Structure formats: C-alpha cells, structure tokens
Amino acid sequence: KSSAGAFDMLNIKIIEDDIKEFKEYKDNGYYLYGLFRGEGSKDVFDTTFNTKALYMLGGEKRGIKSDLLNMCDEYLYISYGSDFRNSLNACGALDVLATLIYKQLRKW
C-alpha cells in the first residue's frame, strides 16, 4: 500500500527457472549485482552504476539462494554510520539502492 499505485507502473516479469533466466540476461550483456553483506562485498555508496544491470535482493530470513548468489558479478552491501550488525528489511534496502541508482543515472 505504500507504493500509492506506483507498483502498477513497474515492469515485472514472473519467471519459472531463475538460473536459466539470469544466465540469459548475463549472456545478453547484463551485469548481475547481488545485495549481500559478506566477504568481498562492496559498499553501495562507493559503487558507480553505469551499465545495464540486474539487482538481486533476497528475503529477510533466507537471503539470496546460493546458486543465484554464485552467478553474481559483484556483491553490494549498504553501510551504516555505526557498527550496526543487523540489516534493513528488503523493502528498505531496495529503497536505498533504487535512490542511489536514480541519483547517479538521472538526466538533467
């Protein structure tokens, strides 16, 4: 309900075979980011978003499936201003990521 109708404007595709689908995107030149706080992850605030890409976001409890996570070209995490050991819920993380991407890619 917080989208106030914006959900209807999103281009959403429902897929049956996620591995096959993401492989096809990668084969067509898409870069695959996974939002994942772990070893080798890069801070989203230090990331330049300038290529066609897919952004994978997992659920709060289980995260991203390991076979999908292994397909990612790069892992990103959202840093905090303190030693905060928890993470944002999926909606909050998506809000942060989408705002950063929009800010970098918007045209004046």
Protein backbone atom coordinates (compact mmCIF):
# COMPACT_ATOMS: atom_id res chain seq x y z
CA LYS A 1 0.00 0.00 0.00
CA SER A 2 2.92 2.37 0.46
CA SER A 3 3.53 2.44 -3.29
CA ALA A 4 0.37 4.53 -3.86
CA GLY A 5 -0.15 2.92 -7.25
CA ALA A 6 3.47 3.05 -8.45
CA PHE A 7 3.57 -0.75 -8.38
CA ASP A 8 1.30 -0.77 -11.43
CA MET A 9 3.93 1.16 -13.38
CA LEU A 10 6.74 -1.37 -12.76
CA ASN A 11 7.83 -3.76 -15.48
CA ILE A 12 7.56 -7.06 -13.62
CA LYS A 13 8.33 -10.45 -15.13
CA ILE A 14 7.46 -13.70 -13.39
CA ILE A 15 9.89 -16.49 -14.17
CA GLU A 16 9.81 -20.24 -13.65
CA ASP A 17 13.52 -21.11 -13.99
CA ASP A 18 15.57 -18.40 -12.28
CA ILE A 19 19.01 -19.88 -13.09
CA LYS A 20 18.18 -20.16 -16.80
CA GLU A 21 16.65 -16.68 -16.88
CA PHE A 22 19.59 -14.96 -15.18
CA LYS A 23 22.06 -16.83 -17.39
CA GLU A 24 20.22 -15.49 -20.46
CA TYR A 25 20.44 -11.94 -19.12
CA LYS A 26 24.17 -12.34 -18.44
CA ASP A 27 24.66 -13.77 -21.94
CA ASN A 28 22.98 -10.60 -23.27
CA GLY A 29 25.43 -8.29 -21.54
CA TYR A 30 23.72 -7.61 -18.22
CA TYR A 31 25.87 -7.21 -15.12
CA LEU A 32 24.44 -9.03 -12.09
CA TYR A 33 24.67 -7.44 -8.65
CA GLY A 34 23.67 -9.27 -5.51
CA LEU A 35 22.81 -7.36 -2.34
CA PHE A 36 24.75 -9.46 0.12
CA ARG A 37 26.68 -8.47 3.24
CA GLY A 38 29.62 -10.82 3.20
CA GLU A 39 33.23 -11.29 2.24
CA GLY A 40 34.10 -9.43 -0.94
CA SER A 41 31.02 -7.20 -0.83
CA LYS A 42 31.41 -3.58 -1.94
CA ASP A 43 29.73 -0.61 -0.28
CA VAL A 44 26.83 0.66 -2.43
CA PHE A 45 27.89 4.21 -1.61
CA ASP A 46 31.24 3.55 -3.34
CA THR A 47 29.67 1.99 -6.43
CA THR A 48 29.21 3.63 -9.82
CA PHE A 49 26.08 2.39 -11.54
CA ASN A 50 26.66 2.95 -15.24
CA THR A 51 25.92 -0.31 -17.00
CA LYS A 52 22.79 -2.29 -17.77
CA ALA A 53 22.35 -4.49 -14.77
CA LEU A 54 20.08 -6.67 -12.71
CA TYR A 55 19.97 -6.28 -8.95
CA MET A 56 19.24 -9.36 -6.88
CA LEU A 57 17.72 -8.86 -3.47
CA GLY A 58 16.92 -11.74 -1.13
CA GLY A 59 14.33 -12.07 1.56
CA GLU A 60 14.98 -11.02 5.14
CA LYS A 61 15.21 -14.55 6.54
CA ARG A 62 16.94 -16.61 3.88
CA GLY A 63 18.62 -14.05 1.64
CA ILE A 64 19.59 -14.97 -1.92
CA LYS A 65 19.81 -18.66 -2.87
CA SER A 66 23.43 -19.76 -3.05
CA ASP A 67 23.23 -20.94 -6.68
CA LEU A 68 21.93 -17.49 -7.69
CA LEU A 69 24.46 -15.72 -5.46
CA ASN A 70 27.24 -17.61 -7.25
CA MET A 71 26.07 -16.12 -10.57
CA CYS A 72 26.60 -12.54 -9.38
CA ASP A 73 29.36 -10.46 -10.90
CA GLU A 74 29.60 -8.32 -7.80
CA TYR A 75 28.20 -8.20 -4.28
CA LEU A 76 26.99 -4.99 -2.70
CA TYR A 77 26.08 -4.06 0.85
CA ILE A 78 24.62 -0.97 2.48
CA SER A 79 27.00 0.55 5.02
CA TYR A 80 25.77 2.31 8.12
CA GLY A 81 27.25 5.19 10.08
CA SER A 82 27.92 2.94 13.07
CA ASP A 83 28.77 -0.65 13.93
CA PHE A 84 25.23 -1.84 13.17
CA ARG A 85 25.21 -5.65 12.83
CA ASN A 86 21.67 -6.05 11.53
CA SER A 87 20.34 -5.32 8.07
CA LEU A 88 17.47 -3.40 6.59
CA ASN A 89 14.38 -5.28 5.54
CA ALA A 90 14.10 -6.00 1.80
CA CYS A 91 11.86 -3.01 1.12
CA GLY A 92 14.19 -0.59 2.94
CA ALA A 93 17.26 -1.97 1.18
CA LEU A 94 15.56 -1.67 -2.19
CA ASP A 95 14.62 1.94 -1.39
CA VAL A 96 18.24 2.82 -0.65
CA LEU A 97 19.57 1.06 -3.74
CA ALA A 98 16.94 2.49 -6.10
CA THR A 99 17.54 6.02 -4.80
CA LEU A 100 21.32 5.72 -5.33
CA ILE A 101 20.89 4.35 -8.85
CA TYR A 102 18.37 7.04 -9.77
CA LYS A 103 20.60 9.77 -8.39
CA GLN A 104 23.54 8.61 -10.49
CA LEU A 105 21.67 7.89 -13.71
CA ARG A 106 19.13 10.73 -13.86
CA LYS A 107 19.40 13.14 -16.74
CA TRP A 108 19.30 16.90 -16.15
